[in-house]
N, C-alpha and C. Protein backbone atom coordinates (compact mmCIF):
# COMPACT_ATOMS: atom_id res chain seq x y z
N MET A 1 54.79 23.18 -50.64
CA MET A 1 53.82 24.16 -50.31
C MET A 1 52.67 23.49 -49.55
N ARG A 2 52.23 24.16 -48.47
CA ARG A 2 51.15 23.62 -47.65
C ARG A 2 49.79 24.00 -48.22
N LYS A 3 48.85 23.07 -48.07
CA LYS A 3 47.50 23.37 -48.50
C LYS A 3 46.80 24.14 -47.38
N PRO A 4 46.05 25.12 -47.72
CA PRO A 4 45.32 25.85 -46.67
C PRO A 4 44.34 24.92 -45.96
N ILE A 5 44.07 25.21 -44.69
CA ILE A 5 43.20 24.38 -43.86
C ILE A 5 41.79 24.30 -44.44
N LEU A 6 41.31 25.39 -44.99
CA LEU A 6 39.96 25.37 -45.56
C LEU A 6 39.84 24.40 -46.72
N THR A 7 40.88 24.29 -47.51
CA THR A 7 40.85 23.37 -48.64
C THR A 7 40.78 21.93 -48.13
N VAL A 8 41.51 21.63 -47.08
CA VAL A 8 41.51 20.29 -46.52
C VAL A 8 40.14 19.97 -45.92
N LEU A 9 39.57 20.92 -45.20
CA LEU A 9 38.24 20.71 -44.61
C LEU A 9 37.17 20.55 -45.69
N ALA A 10 37.26 21.34 -46.73
CA ALA A 10 36.29 21.24 -47.81
C ALA A 10 36.38 19.87 -48.48
N ALA A 11 37.57 19.38 -48.68
CA ALA A 11 37.75 18.06 -49.29
C ALA A 11 37.19 16.98 -48.37
N ALA A 12 37.39 17.12 -47.08
CA ALA A 12 36.88 16.14 -46.13
C ALA A 12 35.35 16.13 -46.13
N LEU A 13 34.75 17.29 -46.22
CA LEU A 13 33.30 17.37 -46.27
C LEU A 13 32.74 16.75 -47.54
N LEU A 14 33.42 16.96 -48.64
CA LEU A 14 32.95 16.41 -49.91
C LEU A 14 33.10 14.90 -49.97
N LEU A 15 34.12 14.37 -49.34
CA LEU A 15 34.39 12.95 -49.40
C LEU A 15 33.64 12.15 -48.34
N ALA A 16 33.22 12.82 -47.29
CA ALA A 16 32.53 12.11 -46.20
C ALA A 16 31.13 11.70 -46.66
N PRO A 17 30.66 10.52 -46.21
CA PRO A 17 29.30 10.10 -46.58
C PRO A 17 28.25 11.01 -45.93
N ALA A 18 27.14 11.22 -46.59
CA ALA A 18 26.08 12.09 -46.09
C ALA A 18 25.47 11.55 -44.80
N SER A 19 25.44 10.23 -44.63
CA SER A 19 24.84 9.65 -43.43
C SER A 19 25.61 10.04 -42.17
N ALA A 20 26.91 10.28 -42.28
CA ALA A 20 27.69 10.67 -41.12
C ALA A 20 27.23 12.02 -40.59
N PHE A 21 26.87 12.92 -41.50
CA PHE A 21 26.40 14.24 -41.07
C PHE A 21 24.95 14.19 -40.62
N ALA A 22 24.18 13.35 -41.24
CA ALA A 22 22.77 13.25 -40.87
C ALA A 22 22.62 12.77 -39.44
N GLN A 23 23.48 11.84 -39.01
CA GLN A 23 23.39 11.32 -37.65
C GLN A 23 23.76 12.39 -36.64
N THR A 24 24.75 13.16 -36.90
CA THR A 24 25.19 14.14 -35.90
C THR A 24 24.29 15.35 -35.85
N THR A 25 23.62 15.69 -36.95
CA THR A 25 22.80 16.89 -36.92
C THR A 25 21.35 16.61 -36.56
N THR A 26 20.82 15.44 -36.85
CA THR A 26 19.42 15.19 -36.56
C THR A 26 19.20 14.44 -35.24
N THR A 27 20.19 13.74 -34.75
CA THR A 27 20.01 12.95 -33.53
C THR A 27 19.65 13.81 -32.32
N PRO A 28 20.34 14.91 -32.04
CA PRO A 28 19.95 15.71 -30.87
C PRO A 28 18.53 16.26 -30.99
N ALA A 29 18.13 16.67 -32.18
CA ALA A 29 16.77 17.20 -32.34
C ALA A 29 15.75 16.08 -32.14
N ALA A 30 16.05 14.91 -32.64
CA ALA A 30 15.12 13.79 -32.49
C ALA A 30 15.01 13.40 -31.03
N LYS A 31 16.12 13.41 -30.31
CA LYS A 31 16.08 13.06 -28.89
C LYS A 31 15.25 14.06 -28.11
N SER A 32 15.45 15.34 -28.36
CA SER A 32 14.71 16.33 -27.60
C SER A 32 13.22 16.27 -27.92
N ALA A 33 12.88 15.92 -29.14
CA ALA A 33 11.47 15.83 -29.50
C ALA A 33 10.80 14.64 -28.81
N THR A 34 11.53 13.56 -28.62
CA THR A 34 10.92 12.40 -27.99
C THR A 34 10.93 12.48 -26.47
N THR A 35 11.87 13.23 -25.88
CA THR A 35 11.93 13.31 -24.43
C THR A 35 11.09 14.45 -23.86
N MET A 36 10.75 15.43 -24.66
CA MET A 36 9.95 16.55 -24.18
C MET A 36 8.48 16.15 -24.15
N PRO A 37 7.74 16.48 -23.10
CA PRO A 37 6.32 16.18 -23.09
C PRO A 37 5.58 17.05 -24.10
N ALA A 38 4.49 16.53 -24.62
CA ALA A 38 3.72 17.25 -25.62
C ALA A 38 3.14 18.53 -25.03
N THR A 39 2.63 18.45 -23.81
CA THR A 39 2.12 19.64 -23.14
C THR A 39 2.62 19.64 -21.72
N THR A 40 2.84 20.81 -21.19
CA THR A 40 3.25 20.92 -19.80
C THR A 40 2.28 21.82 -19.07
N MET A 41 2.06 21.50 -17.80
CA MET A 41 1.15 22.30 -16.99
C MET A 41 1.95 23.33 -16.22
N PRO A 42 1.44 24.52 -16.04
CA PRO A 42 2.15 25.52 -15.24
C PRO A 42 2.30 25.04 -13.80
N ALA A 43 3.35 25.49 -13.14
CA ALA A 43 3.63 25.06 -11.78
C ALA A 43 2.48 25.39 -10.83
N ALA A 44 1.84 26.53 -11.02
CA ALA A 44 0.74 26.91 -10.13
C ALA A 44 -0.42 25.92 -10.21
N THR A 45 -0.68 25.39 -11.38
CA THR A 45 -1.78 24.45 -11.55
C THR A 45 -1.49 23.14 -10.85
N THR A 46 -0.24 22.65 -10.94
CA THR A 46 0.07 21.38 -10.31
C THR A 46 0.10 21.49 -8.80
N LYS A 47 0.42 22.65 -8.26
CA LYS A 47 0.46 22.79 -6.81
C LYS A 47 -0.94 22.89 -6.21
N THR A 48 -1.87 23.51 -6.92
CA THR A 48 -3.19 23.69 -6.35
C THR A 48 -4.10 22.50 -6.60
N ALA A 49 -3.85 21.75 -7.66
CA ALA A 49 -4.68 20.59 -7.95
C ALA A 49 -4.16 19.40 -7.18
N MET A 50 -4.81 19.10 -6.07
CA MET A 50 -4.37 18.00 -5.21
C MET A 50 -5.48 16.98 -5.12
N PRO A 51 -5.48 15.97 -6.00
CA PRO A 51 -6.54 14.98 -5.96
C PRO A 51 -6.52 14.19 -4.66
N GLY A 52 -7.71 13.87 -4.17
CA GLY A 52 -7.79 13.06 -2.96
C GLY A 52 -7.83 13.88 -1.68
N THR A 53 -7.63 15.19 -1.77
CA THR A 53 -7.71 16.01 -0.57
C THR A 53 -8.74 17.09 -0.78
N MET A 54 -9.10 17.75 0.29
CA MET A 54 -10.09 18.80 0.21
C MET A 54 -9.47 20.12 0.64
N LYS A 55 -8.27 20.41 0.13
CA LYS A 55 -7.55 21.62 0.49
C LYS A 55 -8.40 22.84 0.18
N GLY A 56 -8.56 23.71 1.16
CA GLY A 56 -9.32 24.92 0.97
C GLY A 56 -10.81 24.74 1.19
N MET A 57 -11.27 23.55 1.52
CA MET A 57 -12.69 23.30 1.74
C MET A 57 -12.94 23.05 3.22
N MET A 58 -14.13 23.43 3.66
CA MET A 58 -14.53 23.21 5.05
C MET A 58 -15.42 21.98 5.14
N VAL A 59 -15.26 21.22 6.21
CA VAL A 59 -16.07 20.03 6.45
C VAL A 59 -16.76 20.19 7.79
N ASN A 60 -18.07 20.11 7.79
CA ASN A 60 -18.82 20.18 9.04
C ASN A 60 -18.80 18.78 9.65
N VAL A 61 -18.13 18.64 10.78
CA VAL A 61 -17.98 17.31 11.39
C VAL A 61 -19.30 16.77 11.93
N ASN A 62 -20.30 17.62 12.12
CA ASN A 62 -21.60 17.17 12.62
C ASN A 62 -22.51 16.64 11.53
N THR A 63 -22.22 16.94 10.27
CA THR A 63 -23.10 16.50 9.17
C THR A 63 -22.37 15.75 8.06
N ALA A 64 -21.05 15.73 8.06
CA ALA A 64 -20.27 15.12 6.97
C ALA A 64 -20.41 13.61 6.95
N THR A 65 -20.30 13.05 5.75
CA THR A 65 -20.32 11.59 5.60
C THR A 65 -18.94 11.05 5.92
N SER A 66 -18.86 9.75 6.07
CA SER A 66 -17.58 9.10 6.34
C SER A 66 -16.59 9.36 5.20
N ALA A 67 -17.08 9.33 3.96
CA ALA A 67 -16.21 9.57 2.80
C ALA A 67 -15.62 10.97 2.83
N ASP A 68 -16.41 11.96 3.26
CA ASP A 68 -15.90 13.33 3.36
C ASP A 68 -14.89 13.46 4.50
N LEU A 69 -15.16 12.82 5.61
CA LEU A 69 -14.26 12.90 6.76
C LEU A 69 -12.90 12.28 6.47
N VAL A 70 -12.87 11.20 5.70
CA VAL A 70 -11.62 10.51 5.39
C VAL A 70 -10.71 11.39 4.53
N LYS A 71 -11.25 12.34 3.81
CA LYS A 71 -10.45 13.23 2.97
C LYS A 71 -9.68 14.26 3.77
N ILE A 72 -10.01 14.41 5.04
CA ILE A 72 -9.30 15.34 5.91
C ILE A 72 -7.97 14.71 6.31
N PRO A 73 -6.86 15.47 6.24
CA PRO A 73 -5.56 14.91 6.64
C PRO A 73 -5.57 14.42 8.08
N GLY A 74 -5.11 13.20 8.29
CA GLY A 74 -5.03 12.62 9.63
C GLY A 74 -6.26 11.85 10.05
N VAL A 75 -7.29 11.78 9.20
CA VAL A 75 -8.52 11.05 9.54
C VAL A 75 -8.58 9.77 8.73
N SER A 76 -8.54 8.65 9.44
CA SER A 76 -8.66 7.34 8.80
C SER A 76 -10.13 6.92 8.83
N ALA A 77 -10.43 5.77 8.25
CA ALA A 77 -11.80 5.26 8.25
C ALA A 77 -12.26 4.98 9.69
N LYS A 78 -11.35 4.49 10.51
CA LYS A 78 -11.69 4.19 11.90
C LYS A 78 -12.00 5.47 12.68
N ILE A 79 -11.19 6.51 12.48
CA ILE A 79 -11.42 7.78 13.16
C ILE A 79 -12.71 8.43 12.66
N ALA A 80 -12.98 8.31 11.35
CA ALA A 80 -14.22 8.86 10.79
C ALA A 80 -15.43 8.20 11.44
N ALA A 81 -15.36 6.90 11.65
CA ALA A 81 -16.46 6.18 12.31
C ALA A 81 -16.64 6.67 13.74
N GLU A 82 -15.55 6.93 14.44
CA GLU A 82 -15.61 7.45 15.81
C GLU A 82 -16.22 8.86 15.84
N ILE A 83 -15.85 9.68 14.86
CA ILE A 83 -16.41 11.04 14.78
C ILE A 83 -17.93 10.97 14.62
N ILE A 84 -18.37 10.12 13.71
CA ILE A 84 -19.81 9.98 13.45
C ILE A 84 -20.54 9.43 14.68
N LYS A 85 -19.93 8.48 15.35
CA LYS A 85 -20.55 7.84 16.52
C LYS A 85 -20.74 8.81 17.68
N ASN A 86 -19.81 9.72 17.87
CA ASN A 86 -19.83 10.62 19.03
C ASN A 86 -20.40 12.01 18.75
N ARG A 87 -21.12 12.19 17.67
CA ARG A 87 -21.70 13.50 17.34
C ARG A 87 -22.75 13.89 18.36
N PRO A 88 -23.03 15.13 18.56
CA PRO A 88 -22.55 16.37 17.96
C PRO A 88 -21.35 16.94 18.72
N TYR A 89 -20.69 17.88 18.06
CA TYR A 89 -19.53 18.57 18.63
C TYR A 89 -19.78 20.07 18.58
N LYS A 90 -19.33 20.77 19.62
CA LYS A 90 -19.46 22.23 19.66
C LYS A 90 -18.22 22.92 19.12
N ASN A 91 -17.05 22.29 19.33
CA ASN A 91 -15.78 22.92 18.94
C ASN A 91 -14.67 21.87 18.84
N VAL A 92 -13.46 22.33 18.52
CA VAL A 92 -12.32 21.43 18.34
C VAL A 92 -11.96 20.74 19.66
N ALA A 93 -12.04 21.46 20.75
CA ALA A 93 -11.68 20.86 22.04
C ALA A 93 -12.59 19.68 22.37
N GLU A 94 -13.88 19.83 22.07
CA GLU A 94 -14.82 18.73 22.33
C GLU A 94 -14.54 17.55 21.39
N LEU A 95 -14.15 17.83 20.16
CA LEU A 95 -13.80 16.77 19.21
C LEU A 95 -12.61 15.97 19.72
N VAL A 96 -11.58 16.65 20.21
CA VAL A 96 -10.39 15.98 20.75
C VAL A 96 -10.76 15.16 21.99
N LYS A 97 -11.65 15.70 22.80
CA LYS A 97 -12.04 15.02 24.03
C LYS A 97 -12.87 13.76 23.77
N LYS A 98 -13.79 13.81 22.80
CA LYS A 98 -14.71 12.71 22.55
C LYS A 98 -14.16 11.61 21.63
N VAL A 99 -13.28 11.96 20.72
CA VAL A 99 -12.84 11.00 19.69
C VAL A 99 -11.46 10.46 20.03
N LYS A 100 -11.40 9.15 20.26
CA LYS A 100 -10.13 8.49 20.50
C LYS A 100 -9.37 8.41 19.17
N GLY A 101 -8.13 8.85 19.16
CA GLY A 101 -7.33 8.83 17.94
C GLY A 101 -7.03 10.22 17.41
N ILE A 102 -7.77 11.22 17.92
CA ILE A 102 -7.49 12.61 17.55
C ILE A 102 -6.90 13.29 18.77
N GLY A 103 -5.66 13.69 18.65
CA GLY A 103 -4.99 14.37 19.73
C GLY A 103 -4.65 15.80 19.34
N PRO A 104 -4.00 16.51 20.23
CA PRO A 104 -3.64 17.91 19.94
C PRO A 104 -2.76 18.07 18.70
N LYS A 105 -1.87 17.12 18.44
CA LYS A 105 -1.01 17.21 17.25
C LYS A 105 -1.80 16.94 15.98
N ASN A 106 -2.66 15.93 16.00
CA ASN A 106 -3.48 15.61 14.82
C ASN A 106 -4.42 16.74 14.47
N VAL A 107 -5.04 17.32 15.48
CA VAL A 107 -6.06 18.33 15.23
C VAL A 107 -5.45 19.58 14.59
N LYS A 108 -4.19 19.85 14.82
CA LYS A 108 -3.54 21.00 14.18
C LYS A 108 -3.51 20.85 12.66
N LYS A 109 -3.33 19.61 12.17
CA LYS A 109 -3.30 19.36 10.72
C LYS A 109 -4.68 19.57 10.09
N MET A 110 -5.72 19.25 10.83
CA MET A 110 -7.07 19.26 10.25
C MET A 110 -7.90 20.46 10.66
N GLU A 111 -7.46 21.23 11.62
CA GLU A 111 -8.25 22.32 12.22
C GLU A 111 -8.76 23.33 11.20
N ALA A 112 -7.95 23.67 10.20
CA ALA A 112 -8.34 24.67 9.21
C ALA A 112 -9.50 24.21 8.33
N MET A 113 -9.73 22.90 8.27
CA MET A 113 -10.77 22.36 7.41
C MET A 113 -12.06 22.03 8.15
N LEU A 114 -12.06 22.16 9.46
CA LEU A 114 -13.21 21.74 10.26
C LEU A 114 -14.16 22.89 10.56
N SER A 115 -15.44 22.58 10.50
CA SER A 115 -16.45 23.51 10.96
C SER A 115 -17.43 22.73 11.84
N PHE A 116 -18.18 23.47 12.68
CA PHE A 116 -19.07 22.83 13.63
C PHE A 116 -20.47 23.40 13.55
């Protein structure tokens, strides 16, 4: 006569050491707890918080400091010095004309942030 499968499984469970079950049931939970960050920021917050840039801010090229000018995309310390040296500017076209290092392609990146 064959023993029912449940009887065999029950006997195996009773005879198996408790540590064998503890490893298989607690290990995945422990791994997920250690790999998950304690807090997560919403995607919208990480996209709008851009340290080191002045996204959404206007910079007056006639009054800005060198530190403010360098925060504009495409403006290096050397270009910032050139901007300050050749002030004042009436518009973007005059900025491109007076400042060596700012061309039509560069000015497109920074145009939205510039005021005169």
